[in-house]
């Protein structure tokens, strides 16, 4: 007797959170005046692997979150875990973590290579890895120059090299492209993408929204110390908004009235018309206009960038809480 072959689906891998933040609250007390609330019940979960963007206006709590995760400041309340270790167990996992927080500080009269060698020696890492890391961040040719002669961009690169020296599985970067020229920004973007594709988890705080959109797999957006949205970049860009088509046609006003008379939701936007329809229904627009002897010169889905979504979300949050 012949039995049919049963093909079993592979078991689903459990969701592994490399960074977990629940209800995190941080209040800074001042000698004069009232306390400053930096984090207000923040919830963030970062899955294993890939590049995770951490976005927010100045003062939204990005750097405070990173400092709490790394044990540099103590949260007022809430819970945070890094590689499944809480603040008191950080010493057990810190060897698997590389980080660059704010402006890197090194010995000014030592060369970049010497500074990195001193850090490497603390972890028993040899010169070969030091040279490899310097080349990786583009400092190989200037590694012998004193740190005090470095430009801001070069200092950022050395900070990134220090974060990478241990070959970490989790990399936490606070504004890694700060001070770099466009070519340097692209190099950092390509490097971060490559590191993320190798299985590492890269947690990047940045204000360069265009770079984040190209570099990250997932993003979280903060405002006033709270999470506004989180998810894959494509989902955040969609943001629950209806799909729209951009139409260029002449005469513009007559085409607008024609589309509206066909019960299409159309609005004027500068030299274009925006029609509330998904891309797969674009033929309906051309058909309605062609029947009125008007022919489109451009018809495409509306493109929403991360900057637009970011400004909308953080502005609306400010309106709601201000």
C-alpha atoms as a PDB file:
ATOM      1  CA  UNK A   1       0.000   0.000   0.000  1.00  0.00           C
ATOM      2  CA  UNK A   2       1.315   3.434  -0.948  1.00  0.00           C
ATOM      3  CA  UNK A   3       0.779   6.242   1.503  1.00  0.00           C
ATOM      4  CA  UNK A   4       0.872   9.895   0.424  1.00  0.00           C
ATOM      5  CA  UNK A   5       3.912  11.836   1.464  1.00  0.00           C
ATOM      6  CA  UNK A   6       3.159  14.300   4.229  1.00  0.00           C
ATOM      7  CA  UNK A   7       5.118  17.529   3.918  1.00  0.00           C
ATOM      8  CA  UNK A   8       5.352  19.245   7.251  1.00  0.00           C
ATOM      9  CA  UNK A   9       5.930  22.955   7.492  1.00  0.00           C
ATOM     10  CA  UNK A  10       9.115  23.860   9.335  1.00  0.00           C
ATOM     11  CA  UNK A  11       8.470  24.940  12.928  1.00  0.00           C
ATOM     12  CA  UNK A  12       8.057  28.677  13.373  1.00  0.00           C
ATOM     13  CA  UNK A  13      10.969  30.238  15.154  1.00  0.00           C
ATOM     14  CA  UNK A  14       9.965  32.042  18.350  1.00  0.00           C
ATOM     15  CA  UNK A  15      10.168  35.817  18.413  1.00  0.00           C
ATOM     16  CA  UNK A  16      13.458  36.721  20.047  1.00  0.00           C
ATOM     17  CA  UNK A  17      13.681  40.210  21.492  1.00  0.00           C
ATOM     18  CA  UNK A  18      17.242  41.467  21.779  1.00  0.00           C
ATOM     19  CA  UNK A  19      16.090  44.686  23.458  1.00  0.00           C
ATOM     20  CA  UNK A  20      12.962  44.901  25.607  1.00  0.00           C
ATOM     21  CA  UNK A  21      11.644  48.076  27.190  1.00  0.00           C
ATOM     22  CA  UNK A  22       8.373  48.133  29.125  1.00  0.00           C
ATOM     23  CA  UNK A  23       6.868  51.171  30.840  1.00  0.00           C
ATOM     24  CA  UNK A  24      10.287  52.845  31.071  1.00  0.00           C
ATOM     25  CA  UNK A  25      10.182  56.159  32.884  1.00  0.00           C
ATOM     26  CA  UNK A  26      13.077  58.497  33.599  1.00  0.00           C
ATOM     27  CA  UNK A  27      12.782  61.727  35.528  1.00  0.00           C
ATOM     28  CA  UNK A  28      15.729  64.067  36.007  1.00  0.00           C
ATOM     29  CA  UNK A  29      15.573  66.175  39.146  1.00  0.00           C
ATOM     30  CA  UNK A  30      17.074  69.646  39.237  1.00  0.00           C
ATOM     31  CA  UNK A  31      18.383  71.725  42.095  1.00  0.00           C
ATOM     32  CA  UNK A  32      16.185  74.555  40.862  1.00  0.00           C
ATOM     33  CA  UNK A  33      12.843  74.263  39.181  1.00  0.00           C
ATOM     34  CA  UNK A  34      10.705  71.203  38.666  1.00  0.00           C
ATOM     35  CA  UNK A  35      11.808  67.769  37.446  1.00  0.00           C
ATOM     36  CA  UNK A  36      12.265  67.013  33.742  1.00  0.00           C
ATOM     37  CA  UNK A  37      10.480  63.950  32.382  1.00  0.00           C
ATOM     38  CA  UNK A  38      12.688  62.349  29.698  1.00  0.00           C
ATOM     39  CA  UNK A  39      10.831  59.024  29.321  1.00  0.00           C
ATOM     40  CA  UNK A  40       7.140  58.612  30.022  1.00  0.00           C
ATOM     41  CA  UNK A  41       6.200  54.918  30.036  1.00  0.00           C
ATOM     42  CA  UNK A  42       8.148  53.915  26.927  1.00  0.00           C
ATOM     43  CA  UNK A  43       7.500  50.481  25.377  1.00  0.00           C
ATOM     44  CA  UNK A  44       9.876  49.174  22.665  1.00  0.00           C
ATOM     45  CA  UNK A  45      10.760  45.657  21.518  1.00  0.00           C
ATOM     46  CA  UNK A  46      13.662  45.063  19.111  1.00  0.00           C
ATOM     47  CA  UNK A  47      13.781  41.655  17.361  1.00  0.00           C
ATOM     48  CA  UNK A  48      16.972  39.749  16.684  1.00  0.00           C
ATOM     49  CA  UNK A  49      18.803  40.505  13.429  1.00  0.00           C
ATOM     50  CA  UNK A  50      18.678  43.422  11.015  1.00  0.00           C
ATOM     51  CA  UNK A  51      18.792  47.185  11.476  1.00  0.00           C
ATOM     52  CA  UNK A  52      16.346  48.899  13.827  1.00  0.00           C
ATOM     53  CA  UNK A  53      15.952  52.689  13.574  1.00  0.00           C
ATOM     54  CA  UNK A  54      15.166  54.700  16.713  1.00  0.00           C
ATOM     55  CA  UNK A  55      13.767  58.113  15.767  1.00  0.00           C
ATOM     56  CA  UNK A  56      12.453  61.169  17.527  1.00  0.00           C
ATOM     57  CA  UNK A  57      12.807  64.957  17.751  1.00  0.00           C
ATOM     58  CA  UNK A  58      15.491  66.459  19.967  1.00  0.00           C
ATOM     59  CA  UNK A  59      14.537  65.875  23.583  1.00  0.00           C
ATOM     60  CA  UNK A  60      12.238  62.935  22.806  1.00  0.00           C
ATOM     61  CA  UNK A  61      14.239  60.522  24.964  1.00  0.00           C
ATOM     62  CA  UNK A  62      16.367  58.607  22.419  1.00  0.00           C
ATOM     63  CA  UNK A  63      19.730  59.036  24.129  1.00  0.00           C
ATOM     64  CA  UNK A  64      18.202  58.606  27.594  1.00  0.00           C
ATOM     65  CA  UNK A  65      16.758  55.249  26.475  1.00  0.00           C
ATOM     66  CA  UNK A  66      20.159  54.108  25.228  1.00  0.00           C
ATOM     67  CA  UNK A  67      21.849  55.231  28.446  1.00  0.00           C
ATOM     68  CA  UNK A  68      19.287  53.308  30.505  1.00  0.00           C
ATOM     69  CA  UNK A  69      19.819  50.179  28.391  1.00  0.00           C
ATOM     70  CA  UNK A  70      23.584  50.346  28.863  1.00  0.00           C
ATOM     71  CA  UNK A  71      23.351  50.988  32.595  1.00  0.00           C
ATOM     72  CA  UNK A  72      24.791  54.495  32.308  1.00  0.00           C
ATOM     73  CA  UNK A  73      21.764  55.978  34.090  1.00  0.00           C
ATOM     74  CA  UNK A  74      19.141  54.346  36.289  1.00  0.00           C
ATOM     75  CA  UNK A  75      15.514  54.451  35.187  1.00  0.00           C
ATOM     76  CA  UNK A  76      13.004  55.916  37.629  1.00  0.00           C
ATOM     77  CA  UNK A  77      10.630  53.012  36.969  1.00  0.00           C
ATOM     78  CA  UNK A  78       9.765  50.404  34.364  1.00  0.00           C
ATOM     79  CA  UNK A  79      11.669  47.467  32.935  1.00  0.00           C
ATOM     80  CA  UNK A  80      14.506  47.114  30.432  1.00  0.00           C
ATOM     81  CA  UNK A  81      16.416  44.070  29.239  1.00  0.00           C
ATOM     82  CA  UNK A  82      19.416  43.799  26.934  1.00  0.00           C
ATOM     83  CA  UNK A  83      20.108  40.323  25.512  1.00  0.00           C
ATOM     84  CA  UNK A  84      17.699  39.060  28.197  1.00  0.00           C
ATOM     85  CA  UNK A  85      19.733  40.672  30.980  1.00  0.00           C
ATOM     86  CA  UNK A  86      18.319  43.301  33.308  1.00  0.00           C
ATOM     87  CA  UNK A  87      20.332  46.276  34.620  1.00  0.00           C
ATOM     88  CA  UNK A  88      21.864  44.217  37.446  1.00  0.00           C
ATOM     89  CA  UNK A  89      22.980  41.432  35.089  1.00  0.00           C
ATOM     90  CA  UNK A  90      24.435  43.636  32.356  1.00  0.00           C
ATOM     91  CA  UNK A  91      27.956  42.531  33.230  1.00  0.00           C
ATOM     92  CA  UNK A  92      27.096  39.034  31.992  1.00  0.00           C
ATOM     93  CA  UNK A  93      26.273  40.175  28.436  1.00  0.00           C
ATOM     94  CA  UNK A  94      28.170  43.419  27.930  1.00  0.00           C
ATOM     95  CA  UNK A  95      30.965  41.555  26.128  1.00  0.00           C
ATOM     96  CA  UNK A  96      28.478  40.754  23.339  1.00  0.00           C
ATOM     97  CA  UNK A  97      27.482  44.411  22.951  1.00  0.00           C
ATOM     98  CA  UNK A  98      29.224  47.248  21.124  1.00  0.00           C
ATOM     99  CA  UNK A  99      28.043  50.824  21.576  1.00  0.00           C
ATOM    100  CA  UNK A 100      28.721  54.404  20.580  1.00  0.00           C
ATOM    101  CA  UNK A 101      26.842  56.981  22.636  1.00  0.00           C
ATOM    102  CA  UNK A 102      27.076  60.694  21.846  1.00  0.00           C
ATOM    103  CA  UNK A 103      30.506  62.135  20.904  1.00  0.00           C
ATOM    104  CA  UNK A 104      33.323  59.558  21.288  1.00  0.00           C
ATOM    105  CA  UNK A 105      36.135  60.507  23.696  1.00  0.00           C
ATOM    106  CA  UNK A 106      39.734  59.319  23.316  1.00  0.00           C
ATOM    107  CA  UNK A 107      43.212  60.338  24.427  1.00  0.00           C
ATOM    108  CA  UNK A 108      43.900  63.452  22.300  1.00  0.00           C
ATOM    109  CA  UNK A 109      47.669  62.994  21.901  1.00  0.00           C
ATOM    110  CA  UNK A 110      47.519  59.302  21.039  1.00  0.00           C
ATOM    111  CA  UNK A 111      46.972  58.127  17.496  1.00  0.00           C
ATOM    112  CA  UNK A 112      43.708  56.551  16.450  1.00  0.00           C
ATOM    113  CA  UNK A 113      45.446  53.173  16.242  1.00  0.00           C
ATOM    114  CA  UNK A 114      47.011  53.550  19.697  1.00  0.00           C
ATOM    115  CA  UNK A 115      43.655  54.490  21.245  1.00  0.00           C
ATOM    116  CA  UNK A 116      41.998  51.470  19.679  1.00  0.00           C
ATOM    117  CA  UNK A 117      44.852  49.154  20.720  1.00  0.00           C
ATOM    118  CA  UNK A 118      44.421  50.224  24.343  1.00  0.00           C
ATOM    119  CA  UNK A 119      40.726  49.391  24.225  1.00  0.00           C
ATOM    120  CA  UNK A 120      41.393  46.093  22.471  1.00  0.00           C
ATOM    121  CA  UNK A 121      43.986  45.067  25.049  1.00  0.00           C
ATOM    122  CA  UNK A 122      41.331  45.238  27.795  1.00  0.00           C
ATOM    123  CA  UNK A 123      39.500  42.405  26.047  1.00  0.00           C
ATOM    124  CA  UNK A 124      42.575  40.472  24.960  1.00  0.00           C
ATOM    125  CA  UNK A 125      42.172  41.459  21.309  1.00  0.00           C
ATOM    126  CA  UNK A 126      45.278  41.593  19.118  1.00  0.00           C
ATOM    127  CA  UNK A 127      46.602  44.069  16.581  1.00  0.00           C
ATOM    128  CA  UNK A 128      45.294  42.176  13.578  1.00  0.00           C
ATOM    129  CA  UNK A 129      41.693  42.809  14.649  1.00  0.00           C
ATOM    130  CA  UNK A 130      42.554  46.473  15.387  1.00  0.00           C
ATOM    131  CA  UNK A 131      43.900  46.983  11.862  1.00  0.00           C
ATOM    132  CA  UNK A 132      40.960  45.108  10.370  1.00  0.00           C
ATOM    133  CA  UNK A 133      38.471  47.318  12.219  1.00  0.00           C
ATOM    134  CA  UNK A 134      40.260  50.535  11.273  1.00  0.00           C
ATOM    135  CA  UNK A 135      40.108  49.516   7.613  1.00  0.00           C
ATOM    136  CA  UNK A 136      36.453  48.576   8.019  1.00  0.00           C
ATOM    137  CA  UNK A 137      35.482  52.134   9.071  1.00  0.00           C
ATOM    138  CA  UNK A 138      37.778  53.833   6.564  1.00  0.00           C
ATOM    139  CA  UNK A 139      40.507  55.013   8.948  1.00  0.00           C
ATOM    140  CA  UNK A 140      43.317  52.727   7.862  1.00  0.00           C
ATOM    141  CA  UNK A 141      45.341  55.462   6.131  1.00  0.00           C
ATOM    142  CA  UNK A 142      44.998  58.018   8.950  1.00  0.00           C
ATOM    143  CA  UNK A 143      45.207  55.676  11.938  1.00  0.00           C
ATOM    144  CA  UNK A 144      48.709  56.931  12.790  1.00  0.00           C
ATOM    145  CA  UNK A 145      47.648  60.580  13.248  1.00  0.00           C
ATOM    146  CA  UNK A 146      46.934  62.009  16.724  1.00  0.00           C
ATOM    147  CA  UNK A 147      43.262  61.944  17.696  1.00  0.00           C
ATOM    148  CA  UNK A 148      43.315  65.716  18.346  1.00  0.00           C
ATOM    149  CA  UNK A 149      43.934  66.328  14.635  1.00  0.00           C
ATOM    150  CA  UNK A 150      40.876  64.320  13.570  1.00  0.00           C
ATOM    151  CA  UNK A 151      37.846  65.989  12.063  1.00  0.00           C
ATOM    152  CA  UNK A 152      34.456  65.378  13.678  1.00  0.00           C
ATOM    153  CA  UNK A 153      33.694  62.783  11.034  1.00  0.00           C
ATOM    154  CA  UNK A 154      36.965  60.936  11.683  1.00  0.00           C
ATOM    155  CA  UNK A 155      36.258  60.960  15.420  1.00  0.00           C
ATOM    156  CA  UNK A 156      32.872  59.373  14.699  1.00  0.00           C
ATOM    157  CA  UNK A 157      34.582  56.687  12.622  1.00  0.00           C
ATOM    158  CA  UNK A 158      36.997  55.886  15.437  1.00  0.00           C
ATOM    159  CA  UNK A 159      34.049  55.674  17.844  1.00  0.00           C
ATOM    160  CA  UNK A 160      32.393  53.228  15.482  1.00  0.00           C
ATOM    161  CA  UNK A 161      35.625  51.213  15.302  1.00  0.00           C
ATOM    162  CA  UNK A 162      35.699  51.046  19.114  1.00  0.00           C
ATOM    163  CA  UNK A 163      32.107  49.742  19.086  1.00  0.00           C
ATOM    164  CA  UNK A 164      33.026  47.075  16.509  1.00  0.00           C
ATOM    165  CA  UNK A 165      36.340  45.945  17.956  1.00  0.00           C
ATOM    166  CA  UNK A 166      34.782  43.029  19.925  1.00  0.00           C
ATOM    167  CA  UNK A 167      32.846  41.820  16.849  1.00  0.00           C
ATOM    168  CA  UNK A 168      29.585  42.198  18.836  1.00  0.00           C
ATOM    169  CA  UNK A 169      26.251  40.516  18.097  1.00  0.00           C
ATOM    170  CA  UNK A 170      24.391  43.678  19.197  1.00  0.00           C
ATOM    171  CA  UNK A 171      25.545  47.121  18.109  1.00  0.00           C
ATOM    172  CA  UNK A 172      23.980  50.254  19.648  1.00  0.00           C
ATOM    173  CA  UNK A 173      24.786  53.444  17.763  1.00  0.00           C
ATOM    174  CA  UNK A 174      23.726  56.967  18.736  1.00  0.00           C
ATOM    175  CA  UNK A 175      23.921  59.246  15.663  1.00  0.00           C
ATOM    176  CA  UNK A 176      26.739  57.303  13.924  1.00  0.00           C
ATOM    177  CA  UNK A 177      26.781  59.582  10.850  1.00  0.00           C
ATOM    178  CA  UNK A 178      27.112  62.819  12.819  1.00  0.00           C
ATOM    179  CA  UNK A 179      29.668  65.131  11.188  1.00  0.00           C
ATOM    180  CA  UNK A 180      30.211  63.012   8.084  1.00  0.00           C
ATOM    181  CA  UNK A 181      30.064  64.358   4.546  1.00  0.00           C
ATOM    182  CA  UNK A 182      27.628  62.759   2.046  1.00  0.00           C
ATOM    183  CA  UNK A 183      30.217  60.208   0.895  1.00  0.00           C
ATOM    184  CA  UNK A 184      30.988  59.269   4.499  1.00  0.00           C
ATOM    185  CA  UNK A 185      27.293  58.982   5.339  1.00  0.00           C
ATOM    186  CA  UNK A 186      26.826  56.539   2.458  1.00  0.00           C
ATOM    187  CA  UNK A 187      29.812  54.489   3.625  1.00  0.00           C
ATOM    188  CA  UNK A 188      28.360  54.247   7.145  1.00  0.00           C
ATOM    189  CA  UNK A 189      24.948  53.332   5.711  1.00  0.00           C
ATOM    190  CA  UNK A 190      26.452  50.566   3.579  1.00  0.00           C
ATOM    191  CA  UNK A 191      28.521  49.303   6.517  1.00  0.00           C
ATOM    192  CA  UNK A 192      25.519  49.212   8.872  1.00  0.00           C
ATOM    193  CA  UNK A 193      23.408  47.420   6.260  1.00  0.00           C
ATOM    194  CA  UNK A 194      26.163  44.842   5.745  1.00  0.00           C
ATOM    195  CA  UNK A 195      26.577  44.266   9.478  1.00  0.00           C
ATOM    196  CA  UNK A 196      22.816  43.809   9.827  1.00  0.00           C
ATOM    197  CA  UNK A 197      22.706  41.343   6.945  1.00  0.00           C
ATOM    198  CA  UNK A 198      25.354  39.212   8.664  1.00  0.00           C
ATOM    199  CA  UNK A 199      22.948  38.346  11.472  1.00  0.00           C
ATOM    200  CA  UNK A 200      23.844  41.076  13.936  1.00  0.00           C
ATOM    201  CA  UNK A 201      21.253  43.360  15.472  1.00  0.00           C
ATOM    202  CA  UNK A 202      21.982  47.047  14.865  1.00  0.00           C
ATOM    203  CA  UNK A 203      20.064  49.575  16.979  1.00  0.00           C
ATOM    204  CA  UNK A 204      20.538  53.020  15.421  1.00  0.00           C
ATOM    205  CA  UNK A 205      19.394  56.351  16.826  1.00  0.00           C
ATOM    206  CA  UNK A 206      19.465  58.998  14.108  1.00  0.00           C
ATOM    207  CA  UNK A 207      17.878  62.239  12.906  1.00  0.00           C
ATOM    208  CA  UNK A 208      18.822  61.586   9.247  1.00  0.00           C
ATOM    209  CA  UNK A 209      15.414  60.296   8.186  1.00  0.00           C
ATOM    210  CA  UNK A 210      16.321  59.638   4.560  1.00  0.00           C
ATOM    211  CA  UNK A 211      19.247  57.498   5.673  1.00  0.00           C
ATOM    212  CA  UNK A 212      17.108  55.598   8.159  1.00  0.00           C
ATOM    213  CA  UNK A 213      14.555  54.838   5.445  1.00  0.00           C
ATOM    214  CA  UNK A 214      17.280  53.338   3.234  1.00  0.00           C
ATOM    215  CA  UNK A 215      19.191  51.633   6.029  1.00  0.00           C
ATOM    216  CA  UNK A 216      16.645  50.144   8.450  1.00  0.00           C
ATOM    217  CA  UNK A 217      14.334  47.135   8.391  1.00  0.00           C
ATOM    218  CA  UNK A 218      12.184  48.371  11.276  1.00  0.00           C
ATOM    219  CA  UNK A 219      11.731  51.715  13.010  1.00  0.00           C
ATOM    220  CA  UNK A 220      10.284  53.133  16.206  1.00  0.00           C
ATOM    221  CA  UNK A 221       9.284  56.801  16.464  1.00  0.00           C
ATOM    222  CA  UNK A 222       9.291  58.608  19.801  1.00  0.00           C
ATOM    223  CA  UNK A 223       7.736  61.891  20.903  1.00  0.00           C
ATOM    224  CA  UNK A 224       7.787  63.364  24.413  1.00  0.00           C
ATOM    225  CA  UNK A 225       9.283  60.204  25.867  1.00  0.00           C
ATOM    226  CA  UNK A 226       6.560  57.890  24.533  1.00  0.00           C
ATOM    227  CA  UNK A 227       6.323  55.501  21.608  1.00  0.00           C
ATOM    228  CA  UNK A 228       4.249  56.911  18.726  1.00  0.00           C
ATOM    229  CA  UNK A 229       4.597  54.018  16.269  1.00  0.00           C
ATOM    230  CA  UNK A 230       6.767  50.983  15.644  1.00  0.00           C
ATOM    231  CA  UNK A 231       7.043  48.379  12.906  1.00  0.00           C
ATOM    232  CA  UNK A 232       8.596  47.459   9.558  1.00  0.00           C
ATOM    233  CA  UNK A 233       9.547  50.545   7.540  1.00  0.00           C
ATOM    234  CA  UNK A 234       6.955  49.793   4.825  1.00  0.00           C
ATOM    235  CA  UNK A 235       4.161  49.508   7.398  1.00  0.00           C
ATOM    236  CA  UNK A 236       5.163  52.733   9.139  1.00  0.00           C
ATOM    237  CA  UNK A 237       5.259  54.527   5.782  1.00  0.00           C
ATOM    238  CA  UNK A 238       1.777  53.255   4.963  1.00  0.00           C
ATOM    239  CA  UNK A 239       0.623  54.353   8.402  1.00  0.00           C
ATOM    240  CA  UNK A 240      -2.967  53.274   7.809  1.00  0.00           C
ATOM    241  CA  UNK A 241      -3.415  55.963   5.168  1.00  0.00           C
ATOM    242  CA  UNK A 242      -5.399  55.334   2.004  1.00  0.00           C
ATOM    243  CA  UNK A 243      -3.458  54.808  -1.215  1.00  0.00           C
ATOM    244  CA  UNK A 244      -3.463  57.736  -3.628  1.00  0.00           C
ATOM    245  CA  UNK A 245      -2.542  58.266  -7.258  1.00  0.00           C
ATOM    246  CA  UNK A 246      -0.700  61.310  -8.571  1.00  0.00           C
ATOM    247  CA  UNK A 247      -2.203  62.522 -11.865  1.00  0.00           C
ATOM    248  CA  UNK A 248      -0.788  65.151 -14.194  1.00  0.00           C
ATOM    249  CA  UNK A 249      -3.144  66.228 -16.966  1.00  0.00           C
ATOM    250  CA  UNK A 250      -4.295  69.383 -18.768  1.00  0.00           C
ATOM    251  CA  UNK A 251      -6.482  71.307 -18.322  1.00  0.00           C
ATOM    252  CA  UNK A 252      -6.141  70.699 -14.593  1.00  0.00           C
ATOM    253  CA  UNK A 253      -9.389  72.242 -13.296  1.00  0.00           C
ATOM    254  CA  UNK A 254     -11.539  70.555 -15.948  1.00  0.00           C
ATOM    255  CA  UNK A 255      -9.908  67.189 -15.232  1.00  0.00           C
ATOM    256  CA  UNK A 256     -10.557  67.651 -11.514  1.00  0.00           C
ATOM    257  CA  UNK A 257     -14.269  68.243 -12.112  1.00  0.00           C
ATOM    258  CA  UNK A 258     -14.434  65.283 -14.510  1.00  0.00           C
ATOM    259  CA  UNK A 259     -12.942  62.932 -11.927  1.00  0.00           C
ATOM    260  CA  UNK A 260     -15.232  64.208  -9.195  1.00  0.00           C
ATOM    261  CA  UNK A 261     -18.289  63.824 -11.433  1.00  0.00           C
ATOM    262  CA  UNK A 262     -17.330  60.139 -11.785  1.00  0.00           C
ATOM    263  CA  UNK A 263     -17.528  59.821  -7.972  1.00  0.00           C
ATOM    264  CA  UNK A 264     -13.765  59.709  -7.541  1.00  0.00           C
ATOM    265  CA  UNK A 265     -12.226  61.346  -4.471  1.00  0.00           C
ATOM    266  CA  UNK A 266      -9.897  63.849  -6.182  1.00  0.00           C
ATOM    267  CA  UNK A 267      -8.129  66.927  -4.816  1.00  0.00           C
ATOM    268  CA  UNK A 268      -5.839  69.522  -6.324  1.00  0.00           C
ATOM    269  CA  UNK A 269      -2.219  69.476  -5.128  1.00  0.00           C
ATOM    270  CA  UNK A 270      -0.148  72.123  -6.883  1.00  0.00           C
ATOM    271  CA  UNK A 271       0.320  71.064 -10.486  1.00  0.00           C
ATOM    272  CA  UNK A 272      -1.097  67.585  -9.853  1.00  0.00           C
ATOM    273  CA  UNK A 273      -4.349  65.925  -8.889  1.00  0.00           C
ATOM    274  CA  UNK A 274      -4.411  63.396  -6.078  1.00  0.00           C
ATOM    275  CA  UNK A 275      -6.960  60.607  -6.495  1.00  0.00           C
ATOM    276  CA  UNK A 276      -7.836  58.313  -3.586  1.00  0.00           C
ATOM    277  CA  UNK A 277      -7.343  54.989  -5.354  1.00  0.00           C
ATOM    278  CA  UNK A 278      -4.865  52.088  -5.069  1.00  0.00           C
ATOM    279  CA  UNK A 279      -2.358  51.584  -7.898  1.00  0.00           C
ATOM    280  CA  UNK A 280      -4.231  48.557  -9.267  1.00  0.00           C
ATOM    281  CA  UNK A 281      -7.233  50.814 -10.066  1.00  0.00           C
ATOM    282  CA  UNK A 282      -5.215  53.358 -12.067  1.00  0.00           C
ATOM    283  CA  UNK A 283      -6.948  52.304 -15.294  1.00  0.00           C
ATOM    284  CA  UNK A 284     -10.185  53.793 -13.980  1.00  0.00           C
ATOM    285  CA  UNK A 285      -8.593  57.260 -13.909  1.00  0.00           C
ATOM    286  CA  UNK A 286      -7.314  57.043 -17.474  1.00  0.00           C
ATOM    287  CA  UNK A 287     -10.675  55.694 -18.667  1.00  0.00           C
ATOM    288  CA  UNK A 288     -12.692  58.512 -17.073  1.00  0.00           C
ATOM    289  CA  UNK A 289     -10.374  61.188 -18.424  1.00  0.00           C
ATOM    290  CA  UNK A 290     -10.070  59.614 -21.889  1.00  0.00           C
ATOM    291  CA  UNK A 291     -13.871  59.572 -22.210  1.00  0.00           C
ATOM    292  CA  UNK A 292     -13.717  63.341 -21.724  1.00  0.00           C
ATOM    293  CA  UNK A 293     -10.900  63.604 -24.301  1.00  0.00           C
ATOM    294  CA  UNK A 294      -8.265  64.401 -21.660  1.00  0.00           C
ATOM    295  CA  UNK A 295      -5.096  62.354 -21.584  1.00  0.00           C
ATOM    296  CA  UNK A 296      -2.715  61.973 -18.653  1.00  0.00           C
ATOM    297  CA  UNK A 297       0.957  62.846 -18.991  1.00  0.00           C
ATOM    298  CA  UNK A 298       1.822  61.286 -15.614  1.00  0.00           C
ATOM    299  CA  UNK A 299       0.093  58.683 -13.482  1.00  0.00           C
ATOM    300  CA  UNK A 300       1.859  57.048 -10.535  1.00  0.00           C
ATOM    301  CA  UNK A 301       1.277  55.998  -6.927  1.00  0.00           C
ATOM    302  CA  UNK A 302       1.970  58.697  -4.371  1.00  0.00           C
ATOM    303  CA  UNK A 303       5.298  58.141  -2.635  1.00  0.00           C
ATOM    304  CA  UNK A 304       5.422  58.833   1.091  1.00  0.00           C
ATOM    305  CA  UNK A 305       8.836  59.276   2.676  1.00  0.00           C
ATOM    306  CA  UNK A 306       9.781  58.720   6.287  1.00  0.00           C
ATOM    307  CA  UNK A 307      10.289  62.431   6.900  1.00  0.00           C
ATOM    308  CA  UNK A 308       6.654  63.168   6.005  1.00  0.00           C
ATOM    309  CA  UNK A 309       5.347  60.391   8.275  1.00  0.00           C
ATOM    310  CA  UNK A 310       7.718  61.431  11.069  1.00  0.00           C
ATOM    311  CA  UNK A 311       6.585  65.065  10.982  1.00  0.00           C
ATOM    312  CA  UNK A 312       2.915  64.099  10.850  1.00  0.00           C
ATOM    313  CA  UNK A 313       3.175  61.707  13.786  1.00  0.00           C
ATOM    314  CA  UNK A 314       5.328  63.866  16.043  1.00  0.00           C
ATOM    315  CA  UNK A 315       3.288  66.996  15.236  1.00  0.00           C
ATOM    316  CA  UNK A 316      -0.015  65.281  15.991  1.00  0.00           C
ATOM    317  CA  UNK A 317       1.404  63.894  19.243  1.00  0.00           C
ATOM    318  CA  UNK A 318       2.515  67.358  20.249  1.00  0.00           C
ATOM    319  CA  UNK A 319      -0.930  68.749  19.443  1.00  0.00           C
ATOM    320  CA  UNK A 320      -2.559  66.060  21.525  1.00  0.00           C
ATOM    321  CA  UNK A 321      -0.345  66.486  24.567  1.00  0.00           C
ATOM    322  CA  UNK A 322       0.645  70.116  24.456  1.00  0.00           C
END
